[in-house]
Amino acid sequence: MAISTADFKNGICIEYNGKLCTIVEFQHVKPGKGGAFVRTKLRDIKTGRVVDYTFNAGTKFDQVRLESRKLQYLYNDGDALNFMDPTTFEQMPVALEVVGEAAKWLKETDEATLLYAGEELISVEPQMFVELEVTDTDPGFKGDTVQGGTKPATLETGATIQVPLFVEPGDTLQVDTRDGRFIKRV
């Protein structure tokens, strides 16, 4: 379906230069002299990069319908991660290249959101906050720092994050998957 710049809304997905982009923000501008134009910020869905573009008013684009489905992560078979639809129990393998960095936040039986553009799988997004167990970290000694210090810790999924000195192996931590930041000990 084709849409013009007059139909722009935040969050709409369009195809531009062969890439799928969502509209982050836009502004219609009508200068006193010359034709009207639209300033936009578009986020590339695959890379996450936000870029500014300016279009003439009335420019047409192909709108892409995005669909998200919540699936349960089952296991990693080495080449792909396997997910299951909790309503139909249909299992689906997803290549590790498609999952990318999200794989380090997925633990068996966790729920993930798979984003589709038409029939094509675009991305796999883990839950915003996950609870993972610390498998390995250096011991923290009392009095090591004047201010709150941090140390690296390896989690059960293989991800490494910075944690406060009081965290020990065996602790369960809540982690923000957007930036890999320690939130709290659970």
Protein backbone atom coordinates (compact mmCIF):
# COMPACT_ATOMS: atom_id res chain seq x y z
CA MET A 1 0.00 0.00 0.00
CA ALA A 2 1.41 3.39 -0.98
CA ILE A 3 1.27 6.34 1.40
CA SER A 4 2.36 9.93 0.93
CA THR A 5 4.13 12.31 3.31
CA ALA A 6 0.70 13.70 4.29
CA ASP A 7 -0.14 10.29 5.85
CA PHE A 8 2.99 10.08 8.03
CA LYS A 9 2.52 9.08 11.67
CA ASN A 10 5.12 8.12 14.25
CA GLY A 11 5.73 4.37 14.27
CA ILE A 12 4.67 3.69 10.66
CA CYS A 13 7.03 1.41 8.75
CA ILE A 14 7.98 2.41 5.19
CA GLU A 15 10.38 1.09 2.59
CA TYR A 16 13.00 3.68 1.61
CA ASN A 17 16.10 2.98 -0.52
CA GLY A 18 15.44 -0.75 -0.24
CA LYS A 19 15.50 -0.63 3.58
CA LEU A 20 12.67 -1.04 6.05
CA CYS A 21 12.46 2.04 8.28
CA THR A 22 10.10 3.22 11.01
CA ILE A 23 9.24 6.89 11.38
CA VAL A 24 10.62 8.16 14.70
CA GLU A 25 9.46 11.75 14.20
CA PHE A 26 8.46 14.04 11.35
CA GLN A 27 7.68 17.70 10.76
CA HIS A 28 5.81 19.31 7.86
CA VAL A 29 7.49 22.60 6.84
CA LYS A 30 5.92 25.24 4.57
CA PRO A 31 8.41 28.03 4.03
CA GLY A 32 7.21 31.40 2.74
CA LYS A 33 9.10 30.85 -0.47
CA GLY A 34 9.36 27.55 -2.33
CA GLY A 35 7.55 24.23 -1.97
CA ALA A 36 6.57 22.46 1.22
CA PHE A 37 8.73 19.63 2.53
CA VAL A 38 8.83 17.09 5.36
CA ARG A 39 11.76 16.60 7.74
CA THR A 40 11.89 13.08 9.17
CA LYS A 41 13.95 10.86 11.43
CA LEU A 42 13.86 7.26 10.22
CA ARG A 43 15.12 4.22 12.17
CA ASP A 44 16.50 1.36 10.08
CA ILE A 45 14.82 -1.75 11.51
CA LYS A 46 17.74 -4.11 10.90
CA THR A 47 20.58 -1.91 12.17
CA GLY A 48 18.67 0.33 14.61
CA ARG A 49 20.43 3.42 13.21
CA VAL A 50 18.45 6.69 13.16
CA VAL A 51 19.03 9.01 10.18
CA ASP A 52 17.54 12.41 9.22
CA TYR A 53 15.93 12.69 5.78
CA THR A 54 14.06 15.51 4.03
CA PHE A 55 11.36 14.74 1.46
CA ASN A 56 9.28 16.95 -0.83
CA ALA A 57 5.63 17.13 0.20
CA GLY A 58 3.53 14.50 -1.57
CA THR A 59 6.35 11.97 -2.05
CA LYS A 60 4.96 8.40 -2.13
CA PHE A 61 6.34 5.42 -0.22
CA ASP A 62 5.40 1.77 0.15
CA GLN A 63 4.00 1.12 3.62
CA VAL A 64 5.07 -2.16 5.22
CA ARG A 65 2.83 -3.90 7.72
CA LEU A 66 4.74 -5.00 10.81
CA GLU A 67 3.48 -7.85 12.94
CA SER A 68 4.92 -9.00 16.24
CA ARG A 69 4.40 -12.45 17.73
CA LYS A 70 5.30 -13.58 21.23
CA LEU A 71 7.00 -16.98 21.16
CA GLN A 72 8.68 -19.11 23.80
CA TYR A 73 12.40 -19.87 23.44
CA LEU A 74 13.04 -23.61 23.73
CA TYR A 75 16.68 -24.46 22.99
CA ASN A 76 19.81 -23.76 20.91
CA ASP A 77 20.77 -26.57 18.51
CA GLY A 78 24.07 -24.97 17.44
CA ASP A 79 22.90 -23.54 14.09
CA ALA A 80 19.58 -22.03 15.15
CA LEU A 81 17.48 -21.09 18.15
CA ASN A 82 14.18 -22.95 18.36
CA PHE A 83 11.01 -21.12 19.37
CA MET A 84 7.47 -22.37 20.02
CA ASP A 85 4.12 -20.65 19.58
CA PRO A 86 2.38 -21.14 22.98
CA THR A 87 -1.11 -21.33 21.42
CA THR A 88 -0.52 -23.73 18.49
CA PHE A 89 2.62 -25.46 19.88
CA GLU A 90 4.21 -25.05 16.44
CA GLN A 91 8.01 -25.02 16.64
CA MET A 92 10.15 -22.76 14.48
CA PRO A 93 13.95 -22.63 14.11
CA VAL A 94 15.51 -19.15 13.69
CA ALA A 95 19.08 -18.80 12.38
CA LEU A 96 21.65 -17.41 14.83
CA GLU A 97 22.49 -14.62 12.34
CA VAL A 98 18.90 -13.33 12.53
CA VAL A 99 18.80 -13.45 16.34
CA GLY A 100 22.17 -11.70 16.68
CA GLU A 101 22.98 -10.07 20.04
CA ALA A 102 19.57 -10.96 21.49
CA ALA A 103 20.73 -14.58 21.91
CA LYS A 104 22.85 -13.68 24.95
CA TRP A 105 19.73 -12.60 26.88
CA LEU A 106 17.57 -15.65 26.07
CA LYS A 107 17.28 -18.52 28.52
CA GLU A 108 15.17 -21.63 27.99
CA THR A 109 11.40 -21.10 28.50
CA ASP A 110 11.76 -17.29 28.25
CA GLU A 111 9.35 -15.38 26.04
CA ALA A 112 10.64 -13.32 23.10
CA THR A 113 8.97 -11.04 20.55
CA LEU A 114 9.59 -11.86 16.90
CA LEU A 115 9.01 -8.96 14.51
CA TYR A 116 7.79 -9.76 10.98
CA ALA A 117 7.49 -7.53 7.90
CA GLY A 118 5.01 -9.45 5.79
CA GLU A 119 6.31 -13.02 5.94
CA GLU A 120 9.97 -12.05 6.50
CA LEU A 121 11.40 -12.29 10.03
CA ILE A 122 13.10 -8.97 10.78
CA SER A 123 14.30 -9.27 14.38
CA VAL A 124 14.07 -11.14 17.67
CA GLU A 125 13.66 -9.02 20.79
CA PRO A 126 14.05 -10.49 24.29
CA GLN A 127 11.99 -9.22 27.21
CA MET A 128 13.08 -5.79 28.45
CA PHE A 129 14.21 -7.17 31.82
CA VAL A 130 15.48 -10.72 32.38
CA GLU A 131 16.57 -12.57 35.49
CA LEU A 132 19.81 -14.49 35.03
CA GLU A 133 22.11 -16.34 37.43
CA VAL A 134 25.76 -15.36 37.86
CA THR A 135 28.03 -18.30 36.99
CA ASP A 136 31.41 -16.65 37.44
CA THR A 137 32.79 -13.43 38.93
CA ASP A 138 35.82 -12.29 40.88
CA PRO A 139 35.42 -11.95 44.64
CA GLY A 140 34.75 -8.43 45.87
CA PHE A 141 36.64 -7.31 48.94
CA LYS A 142 35.24 -4.85 51.44
CA GLY A 143 37.04 -1.51 51.27
CA ASP A 144 38.25 -1.96 47.66
CA THR A 145 36.90 1.41 46.55
CA VAL A 146 35.85 4.74 47.95
CA GLN A 147 32.82 4.95 45.65
CA GLY A 148 30.69 2.05 44.36
CA GLY A 149 32.96 -0.01 42.14
CA THR A 150 32.10 -2.64 39.58
CA LYS A 151 33.54 -5.92 38.35
CA PRO A 152 32.76 -8.18 35.36
CA ALA A 153 30.39 -11.10 35.87
CA THR A 154 29.52 -13.95 33.50
CA LEU A 155 25.84 -14.93 33.41
CA GLU A 156 24.28 -18.34 32.73
CA THR A 157 23.65 -17.44 29.06
CA GLY A 158 27.31 -16.49 28.49
CA ALA A 159 26.77 -12.72 28.57
CA THR A 160 29.27 -10.63 30.53
CA ILE A 161 28.10 -7.48 32.35
CA GLN A 162 29.48 -5.06 34.94
CA VAL A 163 28.05 -5.62 38.45
CA PRO A 164 28.63 -4.12 41.91
CA LEU A 165 31.33 -5.64 44.13
CA PHE A 166 28.82 -7.37 46.44
CA VAL A 167 27.54 -9.74 43.70
CA GLU A 168 28.72 -13.35 44.12
CA PRO A 169 28.46 -16.50 41.94
CA GLY A 170 25.02 -18.08 42.35
CA ASP A 171 23.21 -14.74 42.74
CA THR A 172 20.25 -14.08 40.44
CA LEU A 173 20.31 -10.63 38.84
CA GLN A 174 17.77 -8.55 36.98
CA VAL A 175 19.37 -7.15 33.80
CA ASP A 176 18.13 -4.53 31.31
CA THR A 177 18.52 -6.18 27.88
CA ARG A 178 18.52 -2.88 25.98
CA ASP A 179 21.96 -1.87 27.26
CA GLY A 180 23.14 -4.84 29.35
CA ARG A 181 22.93 -2.88 32.60
CA PHE A 182 22.65 -4.46 36.08
CA ILE A 183 19.36 -3.40 37.72
CA LYS A 184 19.15 -5.32 41.02
CA ARG A 185 19.84 -8.57 42.78
CA VAL A 186 16.74 -10.75 43.00
